[in-house]
Protein backbone atom coordinates (compact mmCIF):
# COMPACT_ATOMS: atom_id res chain seq x y z
CA MET A 1 0.05 0.07 0.06
CA ILE A 2 1.17 3.31 -0.93
CA PRO A 3 1.42 5.95 2.11
CA ILE A 4 -0.03 9.31 1.44
CA SER A 5 0.63 12.77 2.92
CA VAL A 6 -2.05 15.29 2.70
CA CYS A 7 -0.03 18.77 2.45
CA ILE A 8 -2.14 22.12 3.68
CA ILE A 9 -0.83 25.78 3.89
CA THR A 10 -3.12 27.83 5.65
CA LYS A 11 -3.90 30.97 6.91
CA ASN A 12 -6.51 32.79 9.29
CA GLU A 13 -8.82 30.19 8.27
CA GLU A 14 -10.62 29.29 11.23
CA ALA A 15 -13.77 29.55 9.62
CA ASN A 16 -13.11 26.57 6.89
CA LEU A 17 -10.06 24.38 8.37
CA GLU A 18 -11.86 22.52 10.94
CA ASN A 19 -14.63 21.14 8.42
CA CYS A 20 -11.50 20.35 5.96
CA LEU A 21 -9.74 18.56 8.45
CA ARG A 22 -12.67 16.58 10.18
CA LEU A 23 -13.68 15.04 6.83
CA LEU A 24 -9.54 14.20 6.01
CA ARG A 25 -9.18 12.48 9.32
CA ALA A 26 -11.13 9.82 8.07
CA TYR A 27 -9.24 8.49 6.06
CA ASP A 28 -5.69 7.01 6.76
CA TRP A 29 -3.51 9.65 5.92
CA GLU A 30 -0.74 11.74 7.00
CA ILE A 31 -1.75 15.38 7.64
CA LEU A 32 0.64 17.73 7.54
CA VAL A 33 -0.86 21.58 8.31
CA VAL A 34 1.52 24.62 7.48
CA ASP A 35 0.68 27.66 8.99
CA THR A 36 1.80 30.88 7.15
CA GLY A 37 1.18 33.42 10.03
CA SER A 38 -2.43 33.17 11.27
CA THR A 39 -3.30 35.52 13.76
CA ASP A 40 -6.99 33.56 14.55
CA GLY A 41 -7.53 30.57 15.83
CA THR A 42 -6.33 28.69 12.65
CA ARG A 43 -3.36 27.03 14.66
CA GLY A 44 -5.19 25.70 17.51
CA ILE A 45 -7.85 23.80 15.05
CA ALA A 46 -5.02 22.52 13.04
CA GLU A 47 -3.25 21.09 16.01
CA ARG A 48 -6.59 19.14 17.01
CA TYR A 49 -6.58 17.25 14.10
CA ALA A 50 -3.70 17.31 12.45
CA ASP A 51 -0.41 15.01 12.72
CA ARG A 52 2.06 17.78 12.64
CA VAL A 53 1.92 21.61 12.45
CA LEU A 54 4.75 23.34 10.87
CA ASP A 55 5.39 27.26 10.55
CA PHE A 56 6.34 29.11 7.29
CA ALA A 57 7.14 32.64 7.20
CA TRP A 58 4.89 34.14 4.53
CA CYS A 59 7.12 35.72 1.51
CA ASP A 60 4.16 36.32 -0.91
CA ASP A 61 4.94 33.02 -2.80
CA PHE A 62 2.62 30.38 -2.56
CA SER A 63 4.67 27.91 -4.51
CA ALA A 64 7.52 28.55 -1.63
CA ALA A 65 5.24 27.41 0.72
CA ARG A 66 3.67 24.55 -0.80
CA ASN A 67 7.28 23.28 -1.63
CA TYR A 68 8.46 23.68 2.12
CA SER A 69 5.14 21.49 3.19
CA LEU A 70 6.10 19.04 0.53
CA SER A 71 9.88 18.75 1.51
CA GLN A 72 8.31 18.27 5.50
CA ALA A 73 6.06 15.26 4.84
CA SER A 74 6.80 11.60 5.63
CA HIS A 75 5.66 10.14 2.38
CA ASP A 76 7.23 10.65 -1.09
CA THR A 77 3.20 10.59 -2.25
CA VAL A 78 1.74 13.53 -1.80
CA LEU A 79 -1.80 14.88 -1.76
CA ILE A 80 -2.62 18.44 -1.96
CA ILE A 81 -5.64 19.89 -0.47
CA ASP A 82 -6.46 23.70 0.46
CA SER A 83 -8.32 24.99 3.66
CA ASP A 84 -11.49 25.79 1.74
CA GLU A 85 -11.62 22.42 0.10
CA TYR A 86 -13.71 19.63 1.94
CA ILE A 87 -13.54 15.93 0.57
CA LEU A 88 -17.10 14.71 -0.58
CA GLU A 89 -16.31 11.22 -2.03
CA ALA A 90 -13.11 9.18 -2.11
CA ASP A 91 -12.44 5.70 -3.31
CA VAL A 92 -9.17 5.08 -1.63
CA PRO A 93 -8.32 1.53 -3.09
CA GLU A 94 -8.96 2.76 -6.17
CA ILE A 95 -6.56 5.59 -5.58
CA LEU A 96 -3.94 3.92 -4.12
CA ARG A 97 -4.52 1.35 -7.72
CA LEU A 98 -3.83 4.42 -9.49
CA ALA A 99 -1.34 6.24 -8.01
CA GLY A 100 0.90 2.80 -7.78
CA ALA A 101 0.27 2.20 -11.71
CA HIS A 102 0.95 5.77 -12.36
CA PRO A 103 3.92 6.62 -10.41
CA ASP A 104 5.63 9.07 -13.00
CA ALA A 105 1.86 10.98 -13.42
CA VAL A 106 0.02 13.48 -11.66
CA GLY A 107 -3.59 12.44 -10.41
CA LEU A 108 -6.17 14.92 -10.79
CA LEU A 109 -9.39 15.62 -8.58
CA SER A 110 -12.97 16.76 -9.64
CA ARG A 111 -13.43 20.14 -7.50
CA GLU A 112 -17.00 21.69 -7.51
CA ASN A 113 -16.64 25.23 -6.95
CA HIS A 114 -19.52 27.34 -5.44
CA TYR A 115 -20.39 30.97 -6.47
CA GLN A 116 -23.60 32.87 -7.02
CA MET A 117 -24.80 33.35 -10.54
CA ASN A 118 -28.32 34.75 -11.53
CA GLY A 119 -29.44 34.97 -7.88
CA THR A 120 -28.85 31.65 -7.41
CA ASP A 121 -26.19 29.30 -5.94
CA SER A 122 -24.24 27.72 -9.05
CA VAL A 123 -21.41 25.29 -9.11
CA TYR A 124 -18.55 25.10 -12.03
CA THR A 125 -16.36 21.99 -11.82
CA ASP A 126 -12.90 21.57 -13.12
CA LEU A 127 -9.84 18.85 -12.85
CA VAL A 128 -7.13 20.02 -10.66
CA GLU A 129 -3.46 18.48 -10.38
CA ARG A 130 -3.46 17.25 -6.81
CA LEU A 131 -1.38 13.92 -6.41
CA PHE A 132 2.09 12.88 -7.07
CA CYS A 133 5.26 12.19 -6.38
CA ARG A 134 7.23 14.74 -4.70
CA LYS A 135 10.44 13.51 -5.98
CA ARG A 136 9.13 14.18 -9.48
CA TYR A 137 7.19 17.40 -9.07
CA HIS A 138 6.92 20.82 -7.32
CA TYR A 139 5.21 23.99 -7.51
CA GLU A 140 5.89 26.94 -9.80
CA GLY A 141 4.58 30.41 -9.89
CA ARG A 142 4.01 32.55 -7.12
CA ILE A 143 0.19 32.54 -6.64
CA HIS A 144 -2.31 30.28 -8.58
CA GLU A 145 1.05 27.82 -8.37
CA GLN A 146 1.35 25.13 -11.21
CA VAL A 147 2.72 21.50 -10.95
CA ARG A 148 5.61 21.24 -12.66
CA ARG A 149 8.49 18.45 -13.09
CA LEU A 150 11.65 18.91 -10.84
CA THR A 151 13.64 18.03 -14.09
CA GLY A 152 12.51 19.05 -17.53
CA SER A 153 9.84 20.58 -19.25
CA GLY A 154 6.65 20.48 -21.21
CA ASP A 155 3.60 18.22 -20.31
CA TYR A 156 3.29 15.43 -18.14
CA PRO A 157 1.05 12.38 -18.07
CA SER A 158 -2.02 12.50 -15.73
CA TYR A 159 -5.16 10.52 -14.69
CA ARG A 160 -8.16 11.71 -13.10
CA LEU A 161 -8.61 10.45 -9.63
CA PRO A 162 -11.93 9.23 -7.89
CA LEU A 163 -11.79 11.92 -5.52
CA ARG A 164 -14.32 14.85 -5.24
CA VAL A 165 -14.20 18.09 -3.14
CA ASP A 166 -16.16 20.96 -2.38
CA HIS A 167 -14.52 24.51 -2.79
CA SER A 168 -16.28 27.34 -0.79
CA GLY A 169 -13.12 30.00 -2.05
CA TYR A 170 -15.46 32.13 -4.24
CA SER A 171 -18.73 32.18 -1.91
CA GLY A 172 -17.24 34.33 0.34
CA SER A 173 -18.81 37.99 1.34
CA GLY A 174 -18.03 40.84 -1.05
CA GLU A 175 -15.56 42.36 0.99
CA ALA A 176 -13.53 39.21 1.46
CA LEU A 177 -13.97 38.00 -2.20
CA ARG A 178 -12.30 41.88 -2.91
CA ALA A 179 -9.52 41.10 -0.08
CA LYS A 180 -8.38 38.04 -2.14
CA ALA A 181 -8.92 39.33 -5.52
CA THR A 182 -6.79 42.71 -4.35
CA ARG A 183 -4.08 40.00 -2.96
CA ASN A 184 -4.01 37.57 -5.94
CA ILE A 185 -3.95 40.67 -8.42
CA ASP A 186 -0.47 42.44 -6.61
CA LEU A 187 1.30 38.74 -6.85
CA LEU A 188 0.12 38.08 -10.61
CA LEU A 189 0.78 41.40 -11.74
CA ARG A 190 4.66 40.66 -10.20
CA ASP A 191 4.45 37.09 -11.82
CA LEU A 192 3.56 39.02 -15.17
CA GLU A 193 6.85 41.31 -14.85
CA GLU A 194 9.14 38.44 -15.19
CA HIS A 195 6.98 36.11 -17.42
CA PRO A 196 4.87 38.64 -19.76
CA ASP A 197 4.32 36.13 -22.30
CA ASP A 198 2.35 33.88 -20.24
CA PRO A 199 -0.85 33.60 -21.22
CA TYR A 200 -2.28 31.65 -18.22
CA LEU A 201 -0.84 34.81 -15.77
CA TYR A 202 -3.44 36.97 -18.10
CA PHE A 203 -6.04 34.58 -17.68
CA GLN A 204 -5.61 34.87 -14.03
CA ILE A 205 -5.53 38.15 -13.49
CA GLY A 206 -8.88 38.33 -15.72
CA GLN A 207 -10.32 35.89 -13.29
CA SER A 208 -9.04 37.76 -10.70
CA TYR A 209 -11.14 40.98 -11.83
CA ASN A 210 -14.06 39.05 -12.70
CA MET A 211 -14.48 37.96 -8.90
CA ILE A 212 -14.96 41.48 -8.09
CA HIS A 213 -17.10 42.07 -11.31
CA ASP A 214 -14.57 44.50 -12.86
CA ASP A 215 -15.47 43.86 -16.11
CA SER A 216 -13.39 46.37 -17.87
CA ASN A 217 -10.29 45.12 -16.52
CA ALA A 218 -11.13 41.37 -16.85
CA CYS A 219 -11.84 41.78 -20.47
CA LEU A 220 -8.93 43.55 -20.87
CA TYR A 221 -6.71 40.72 -19.37
CA TYR A 222 -8.88 37.93 -21.09
CA GLY A 223 -8.18 39.68 -24.48
CA ARG A 224 -4.31 39.88 -23.72
CA GLY A 225 -4.08 36.62 -22.80
CA LEU A 226 -6.26 35.47 -25.88
CA ALA A 227 -3.98 37.27 -28.10
CA TYR A 228 -1.52 34.36 -27.97
CA ASP A 229 -1.47 31.13 -29.86
CA VAL A 230 -3.06 28.98 -27.25
CA ASP A 231 -3.98 25.37 -26.96
CA PRO A 232 -7.97 25.30 -27.52
CA ALA A 233 -8.10 22.72 -25.72
CA ALA A 234 -6.62 23.54 -22.14
CA GLU A 235 -9.14 23.83 -19.64
CA TYR A 236 -7.83 27.32 -18.57
CA VAL A 237 -8.25 28.48 -22.28
CA GLN A 238 -11.89 27.39 -22.10
CA MET A 239 -12.81 29.35 -19.15
CA MET A 240 -10.97 32.54 -20.39
CA VAL A 241 -12.71 32.55 -23.81
CA ILE A 242 -16.17 31.90 -21.98
CA GLY A 243 -15.02 34.60 -19.25
CA TYR A 244 -14.29 37.14 -21.80
CA GLY A 245 -17.44 36.64 -23.88
CA TYR A 246 -19.61 37.62 -20.45
CA ALA A 247 -17.35 40.75 -19.85
CA LEU A 248 -18.24 41.78 -23.18
CA LEU A 249 -22.06 41.19 -23.01
CA HIS A 250 -21.60 42.86 -19.29
CA LEU A 251 -20.12 45.83 -21.02
CA ASN A 252 -22.77 46.33 -23.66
CA ARG A 253 -20.30 45.36 -26.48
CA ALA A 254 -22.51 42.49 -27.50
CA GLU A 255 -21.54 43.15 -31.67
CA GLU A 256 -18.04 42.69 -30.71
CA ALA A 257 -18.85 39.69 -28.76
CA LEU A 258 -19.96 38.33 -32.41
CA GLY A 259 -16.19 37.78 -32.98
CA LEU A 260 -16.30 34.58 -30.79
CA ALA A 261 -18.01 33.00 -33.82
CA GLY A 262 -14.91 32.69 -35.13
CA VAL A 263 -13.25 30.25 -32.56
CA TYR A 264 -16.65 28.10 -32.51
CA ASP A 265 -15.32 24.93 -33.87
CA ALA A 266 -12.79 24.61 -31.38
CA PHE A 267 -15.25 25.30 -28.68
CA SER A 268 -18.54 23.92 -29.90
CA SER A 269 -18.44 20.81 -27.60
CA SER A 270 -19.10 22.83 -24.40
CA ALA A 271 -22.47 23.29 -23.57
CA ASP A 272 -20.97 26.58 -21.50
CA PHE A 273 -19.73 27.99 -24.67
CA LEU A 274 -23.08 27.41 -26.83
CA ASP A 275 -25.05 28.75 -23.76
CA LEU A 276 -22.80 31.70 -24.32
CA MET A 277 -22.94 32.00 -27.99
CA GLY A 278 -27.12 31.87 -27.19
CA LEU A 279 -26.75 34.77 -25.36
CA ILE A 280 -25.00 36.69 -27.99
CA TYR A 281 -27.13 36.21 -30.51
CA LEU A 282 -30.19 36.86 -28.43
CA ARG A 283 -28.30 40.02 -27.35
CA ASN A 284 -27.86 41.06 -31.19
CA GLY A 285 -31.11 40.27 -31.99
CA GLN A 286 -30.50 36.90 -33.54
CA TYR A 287 -33.27 35.02 -32.12
CA MET A 288 -33.07 32.05 -34.30
CA LYS A 289 -29.40 31.66 -34.00
CA ALA A 290 -29.58 32.22 -30.20
CA LEU A 291 -32.64 29.31 -30.15
CA LEU A 292 -29.94 26.88 -31.87
CA GLU A 293 -27.35 27.10 -29.87
CA PHE A 294 -29.46 26.79 -26.53
CA VAL A 295 -31.14 23.60 -28.10
CA LYS A 296 -27.49 22.28 -28.69
CA ALA A 297 -26.68 23.05 -25.58
CA LEU A 298 -29.26 20.61 -24.39
CA SER A 299 -27.70 17.78 -26.00
CA CYS A 300 -24.39 18.14 -24.30
CA GLN A 301 -23.56 15.13 -22.01
CA THR A 302 -21.38 17.23 -19.66
CA ALA A 303 -21.38 20.46 -18.22
CA HIS A 304 -18.72 22.61 -16.41
CA VAL A 305 -21.26 25.19 -14.98
CA THR A 306 -24.22 23.59 -12.94
CA GLY A 307 -27.20 23.83 -15.25
CA ALA A 308 -25.44 24.68 -18.20
CA ASN A 309 -26.67 21.86 -20.60
CA THR A 310 -30.37 21.38 -18.39
CA PHE A 311 -32.25 24.95 -16.90
CA ILE A 312 -30.03 27.54 -18.37
CA PRO A 313 -30.59 26.56 -22.09
CA SER A 314 -34.40 25.84 -21.14
CA TYR A 315 -34.52 28.96 -19.52
CA ASN A 316 -33.42 30.93 -22.55
CA ILE A 317 -35.56 28.60 -25.27
CA GLY A 318 -38.53 29.77 -23.01
CA LEU A 319 -37.68 33.42 -23.05
CA ILE A 320 -36.76 33.49 -26.80
CA ASN A 321 -40.51 31.77 -27.11
CA GLU A 322 -42.10 34.42 -25.06
CA MET A 323 -40.54 36.87 -26.97
CA MET A 324 -41.89 35.54 -30.24
CA GLY A 325 -45.44 35.56 -28.41
CA ASP A 326 -45.66 32.19 -27.79
CA ARG A 327 -46.81 31.62 -24.25
CA GLU A 328 -47.41 28.04 -23.95
CA ALA A 329 -44.17 26.94 -25.46
CA ALA A 330 -42.50 29.67 -22.97
CA LEU A 331 -44.03 27.91 -20.14
CA THR A 332 -43.37 24.33 -21.14
CA HIS A 333 -39.60 25.48 -20.85
CA TYR A 334 -39.94 27.46 -18.10
CA ARG A 335 -41.58 24.43 -16.04
CA ARG A 336 -38.00 22.37 -17.15
CA CYS A 337 -36.14 24.35 -15.25
CA GLY A 338 -37.22 22.73 -11.88
CA ASP A 339 -36.45 25.61 -9.17
CA PHE A 340 -34.18 27.88 -11.06
CA PRO A 341 -35.13 31.08 -9.35
CA MET A 342 -35.39 33.13 -12.94
CA ALA A 343 -37.76 30.72 -14.73
CA LEU A 344 -40.09 30.47 -11.47
CA GLN A 345 -40.26 34.17 -11.76
CA LYS A 346 -41.24 34.01 -15.04
CA ILE A 347 -44.18 31.33 -14.29
CA ALA A 348 -45.45 33.58 -11.90
CA GLU A 349 -45.27 36.31 -14.40
CA LEU A 350 -47.69 34.56 -16.90
CA THR A 351 -49.58 32.41 -14.97
CA GLY A 352 -49.98 34.81 -11.76
CA GLU A 353 -48.79 31.22 -9.93
CA ASP A 354 -46.46 31.97 -6.71
CA ALA A 355 -42.99 31.91 -7.87
CA GLY A 356 -41.78 30.21 -4.46
């Protein structure tokens, strides 16, 4: 059996850390917590649950803190978890089997990111690199650190883990999110000075501005990132395209957003992208084109954003039918949206039924 060390870096996370560690204690893994200067009750919580709690003097470099935690782990196979992540599901025997079968590769866990959209709780699911051998990999980058080979460069093999976590880091108060975004932008801009041609940094800066609804700057940095020769298959590139499109719509630049039709073939298998294109056509008054995109989105098997292949396109199909005067068809599609608040409100407006 392959022993695993769970490595966590943390600072002032008393609101999240206990739930994170309590769930981890169900597994036979070493838990190592590195505190980077907490002034709240974080360290006391860590000491109640973790096998070891160590200190690291914060130096505005997440990779430095991560790599210190790797160096202090008792085992070479390490699993990286954040303080605001909570294990939902873990098939430990299969995780161990996969780790043994792919010693040179990096394991990807599934992360469900919570945030607010259209007045309701939404979830964006992504895959993140979190299980690897510390003798082969480490972290690079001041912030939004990336797993990289210790020797050599280029792509590395990966595999999907039967491990799913909840992530609450994007669902805090507006003040907390603004503080996090401001910190992130400062560190990212420092990285950008050193690596001015890295499109991933432009993406992450755009994401940070997007977090605080600064659409002008989000659009600016997304656009700069997309000006590079990027790989459309990369998950961050897909997120950057979608983030750019929505930023344009929020800025009332819907006509400019039509330019994304030029990359349609590269992203048309994504329900999230099809929904975006549907909204772009809708905002430009091209109703039949919009309708076709939403119908296509319903046929997609998977989606990153919860509802992107179910209630989101159904709601917009209902909206288009309502705009075209077909009340009954509109109601049919609104009712397919389940408890989506915007659809319930539409049903109430059209029928007088209670929106609750």
